[in-house]
C-alpha atoms as a PDB file:
ATOM      1  CA  TYR A   1     -43.707   4.999   3.372  1.00  0.00           C
ATOM      2  CA  CYS A   2     -40.004   4.250   5.326  1.00  0.00           C
ATOM      3  CA  PHE A   3     -37.894   6.358   3.562  1.00  0.00           C
ATOM      4  CA  THR A   4     -34.263   6.803   3.343  1.00  0.00           C
ATOM      5  CA  ASP A   5     -32.496   9.606   5.236  1.00  0.00           C
ATOM      6  CA  PRO A   6     -31.049  11.564   3.042  1.00  0.00           C
ATOM      7  CA  THR A   7     -28.387  13.301   4.844  1.00  0.00           C
ATOM      8  CA  LYS A   8     -27.245  10.068   5.988  1.00  0.00           C
ATOM      9  CA  VAL A   9     -23.704   9.554   4.563  1.00  0.00           C
ATOM     10  CA  GLN A  10     -21.855   6.416   6.104  1.00  0.00           C
ATOM     11  CA  PHE A  11     -22.942   3.330   5.285  1.00  0.00           C
ATOM     12  CA  HIS A  12     -21.733   0.789   7.675  1.00  0.00           C
ATOM     13  CA  ARG A  13     -22.222  -2.762   7.924  1.00  0.00           C
ATOM     14  CA  ALA A  14     -20.744  -5.220  10.229  1.00  0.00           C
ATOM     15  CA  GLN A  15     -18.282  -8.009   8.641  1.00  0.00           C
ATOM     16  CA  THR A  16     -19.941 -11.896   9.038  1.00  0.00           C
ATOM     17  CA  MET A  17     -15.959 -12.315   8.272  1.00  0.00           C
ATOM     18  CA  THR A  18     -13.416 -12.835  10.029  1.00  0.00           C
ATOM     19  CA  TYR A  19      -9.496 -14.012   8.884  1.00  0.00           C
ATOM     20  CA  LYS A  20      -7.580 -16.519  10.694  1.00  0.00           C
ATOM     21  CA  ASN A  21      -4.466 -18.243   9.238  1.00  0.00           C
ATOM     22  CA  GLY A  22      -5.131 -16.269   6.804  1.00  0.00           C
ATOM     23  CA  PHE A  23      -8.786 -17.917   5.696  1.00  0.00           C
ATOM     24  CA  ALA A  24     -12.020 -15.971   5.552  1.00  0.00           C
ATOM     25  CA  ILE A  25     -14.419 -18.331   8.560  1.00  0.00           C
ATOM     26  CA  PRO A  26     -17.431 -16.399   8.502  1.00  0.00           C
ATOM     27  CA  LYS A  27     -18.566 -15.719  11.842  1.00  0.00           C
ATOM     28  CA  GLY A  28     -20.676 -16.922  14.918  1.00  0.00           C
ATOM     29  CA  THR A  29     -23.612 -14.457  14.095  1.00  0.00           C
ATOM     30  CA  ASP A  30     -25.503 -15.392  10.936  1.00  0.00           C
ATOM     31  CA  VAL A  31     -26.617 -12.110  10.082  1.00  0.00           C
ATOM     32  CA  SER A  32     -29.961 -14.350   7.644  1.00  0.00           C
ATOM     33  CA  GLY A  33     -30.773 -15.027  10.358  1.00  0.00           C
ATOM     34  CA  LEU A  34     -32.259 -18.231   9.609  1.00  0.00           C
ATOM     35  CA  THR A  35     -31.314 -21.829  11.821  1.00  0.00           C
ATOM     36  CA  GLN A  36     -29.855 -25.020  10.011  1.00  0.00           C
ATOM     37  CA  ALA A  37     -33.414 -26.691  10.228  1.00  0.00           C
ATOM     38  CA  ASP A  38     -34.205 -23.841   8.021  1.00  0.00           C
ATOM     39  CA  ILE A  39     -31.753 -23.593   5.815  1.00  0.00           C
ATOM     40  CA  ASP A  40     -32.237 -27.386   5.408  1.00  0.00           C
ATOM     41  CA  GLU A  41     -35.883 -26.862   4.788  1.00  0.00           C
ATOM     42  CA  LEU A  42     -35.329 -24.617   2.165  1.00  0.00           C
ATOM     43  CA  ALA A  43     -33.117 -26.682   0.277  1.00  0.00           C
ATOM     44  CA  ASN A  44     -35.474 -29.216   0.026  1.00  0.00           C
ATOM     45  CA  LEU A  45     -39.241 -27.185  -0.685  1.00  0.00           C
ATOM     46  CA  GLN A  46     -40.916 -28.575  -3.635  1.00  0.00           C
ATOM     47  CA  PRO A  47     -42.744 -25.529  -4.476  1.00  0.00           C
ATOM     48  CA  SER A  48     -46.445 -26.054  -5.832  1.00  0.00           C
ATOM     49  CA  LEU A  49     -48.417 -24.036  -8.171  1.00  0.00           C
ATOM     50  CA  THR A  50     -50.119 -20.081  -6.716  1.00  0.00           C
ATOM     51  CA  TYR A  51     -54.033 -21.462  -7.535  1.00  0.00           C
ATOM     52  CA  GLY A  52     -53.108 -25.370  -6.079  1.00  0.00           C
ATOM     53  CA  LYS A  53     -51.487 -28.437  -7.723  1.00  0.00           C
ATOM     54  CA  SER A  54     -50.888 -29.365 -11.087  1.00  0.00           C
ATOM     55  CA  LYS A  55     -53.739 -31.325 -12.348  1.00  0.00           C
ATOM     56  CA  PRO A  56     -52.567 -34.401 -13.454  1.00  0.00           C
ATOM     57  CA  GLU A  57     -52.347 -34.313 -17.471  1.00  0.00           C
ATOM     58  CA  PRO A  58     -55.318 -36.363 -19.692  1.00  0.00           C
ATOM     59  CA  PRO A  59     -54.309 -40.936 -20.408  1.00  0.00           C
ATOM     60  CA  GLN A  60     -53.983 -40.455 -24.144  1.00  0.00           C
ATOM     61  CA  ASP A  61     -56.259 -41.519 -26.604  1.00  0.00           C
ATOM     62  CA  PHE A  62     -56.680 -45.880 -26.132  1.00  0.00           C
ATOM     63  CA  VAL A  63     -56.289 -46.281 -29.860  1.00  0.00           C
ATOM     64  CA  PRO A  64     -56.860 -49.601 -30.838  1.00  0.00           C
ATOM     65  CA  ALA A  65     -54.178 -52.129 -32.914  1.00  0.00           C
ATOM     66  CA  HIS A  66     -55.858 -52.566 -36.060  1.00  0.00           C
ATOM     67  CA  VAL A  67     -56.335 -49.193 -36.946  1.00  0.00           C
ATOM     68  CA  ALA A  68     -52.528 -47.976 -35.011  1.00  0.00           C
ATOM     69  CA  PHE A  69     -50.659 -50.859 -37.276  1.00  0.00           C
ATOM     70  CA  ASP A  70     -52.944 -50.189 -40.379  1.00  0.00           C
ATOM     71  CA  LYS A  71     -51.064 -50.798 -43.381  1.00  0.00           C
ATOM     72  CA  LYS A  72     -47.666 -50.745 -41.724  1.00  0.00           C
ATOM     73  CA  VAL A  73     -45.929 -54.143 -43.275  1.00  0.00           C
ATOM     74  CA  LEU A  74     -42.180 -55.818 -42.562  1.00  0.00           C
ATOM     75  CA  LEU A  75     -40.704 -56.868 -44.896  1.00  0.00           C
ATOM     76  CA  PHE A  76     -38.063 -59.711 -44.840  1.00  0.00           C
ATOM     77  CA  ASN A  77     -35.963 -60.867 -47.955  1.00  0.00           C
ATOM     78  CA  ALA A  78     -35.257 -64.672 -47.736  1.00  0.00           C
ATOM     79  CA  TYR A  79     -34.264 -67.172 -49.578  1.00  0.00           C
ATOM     80  CA  PHE A  80     -34.795 -71.424 -48.957  1.00  0.00           C
ATOM     81  CA  LYS A  81     -32.655 -74.113 -50.990  1.00  0.00           C
ATOM     82  CA  GLN A  82     -34.831 -77.009 -53.231  1.00  0.00           C
ATOM     83  CA  THR A  83     -33.237 -80.013 -53.142  1.00  0.00           C
ATOM     84  CA  LEU A  84     -33.510 -81.726 -56.616  1.00  0.00           C
ATOM     85  CA  ASN A  85     -33.031 -85.085 -56.774  1.00  0.00           C
ATOM     86  CA  GLU A  86     -34.352 -86.094 -60.482  1.00  0.00           C
ATOM     87  CA  SER A  87     -31.645 -83.793 -61.666  1.00  0.00           C
ATOM     88  CA  GLU A  88     -28.141 -84.812 -62.709  1.00  0.00           C
ATOM     89  CA  LYS A  89     -26.485 -81.962 -63.491  1.00  0.00           C
ATOM     90  CA  GLU A  90     -27.796 -79.779 -60.343  1.00  0.00           C
ATOM     91  CA  TYR A  91     -28.146 -81.131 -56.632  1.00  0.00           C
ATOM     92  CA  PHE A  92     -30.284 -78.668 -55.153  1.00  0.00           C
ATOM     93  CA  ARG A  93     -31.507 -74.655 -56.389  1.00  0.00           C
ATOM     94  CA  VAL A  94     -31.214 -71.515 -54.589  1.00  0.00           C
ATOM     95  CA  ARG A  95     -35.204 -70.164 -54.253  1.00  0.00           C
ATOM     96  CA  PRO A  96     -35.427 -65.920 -53.253  1.00  0.00           C
ATOM     97  CA  VAL A  97     -38.195 -65.164 -51.465  1.00  0.00           C
ATOM     98  CA  LYS A  98     -40.311 -62.256 -50.206  1.00  0.00           C
ATOM     99  CA  ILE A  99     -42.237 -62.433 -46.269  1.00  0.00           C
ATOM    100  CA  TYR A 100     -44.534 -60.077 -45.646  1.00  0.00           C
ATOM    101  CA  TYR A 101     -45.559 -59.457 -42.298  1.00  0.00           C
ATOM    102  CA  TYR A 102     -48.861 -57.440 -41.793  1.00  0.00           C
ATOM    103  CA  LEU A 103     -48.864 -55.760 -38.210  1.00  0.00           C
ATOM    104  CA  GLU A 104     -52.456 -55.126 -38.327  1.00  0.00           C
ATOM    105  CA  ASP A 105     -52.930 -59.005 -37.882  1.00  0.00           C
ATOM    106  CA  ASP A 106     -50.494 -60.844 -37.398  1.00  0.00           C
ATOM    107  CA  SER A 107     -50.619 -62.434 -41.209  1.00  0.00           C
ATOM    108  CA  ILE A 108     -47.643 -63.568 -43.171  1.00  0.00           C
ATOM    109  CA  SER A 109     -47.105 -63.173 -46.997  1.00  0.00           C
ATOM    110  CA  VAL A 110     -43.993 -65.675 -48.857  1.00  0.00           C
ATOM    111  CA  VAL A 111     -44.226 -64.316 -51.883  1.00  0.00           C
ATOM    112  CA  GLU A 112     -41.741 -65.694 -54.902  1.00  0.00           C
ATOM    113  CA  PRO A 113     -40.462 -63.088 -57.470  1.00  0.00           C
END
């Protein structure tokens, strides 16, 4: 064990900075004892776990498209103009429709309400 001396009353520490033109400048001796290469190595260090590298995350379970897109439908409201040649009062008629796109099997259904 290392015990401190209880009779010690002065705890001086060597100065690591010097002042020049009013600015603090580090002295030439490095107190920590680290070289610039050691500092660069510590800055770029990527630590690993204590017991080795972590295991890669397992891939997600494969889900087929017919299961993933089951009961999912895109709905589009649309219209088209129907030309009327038989009537003298109107030239065309606007007919609204709903277009259903089923993601499960890429089929389309057009329904006129």
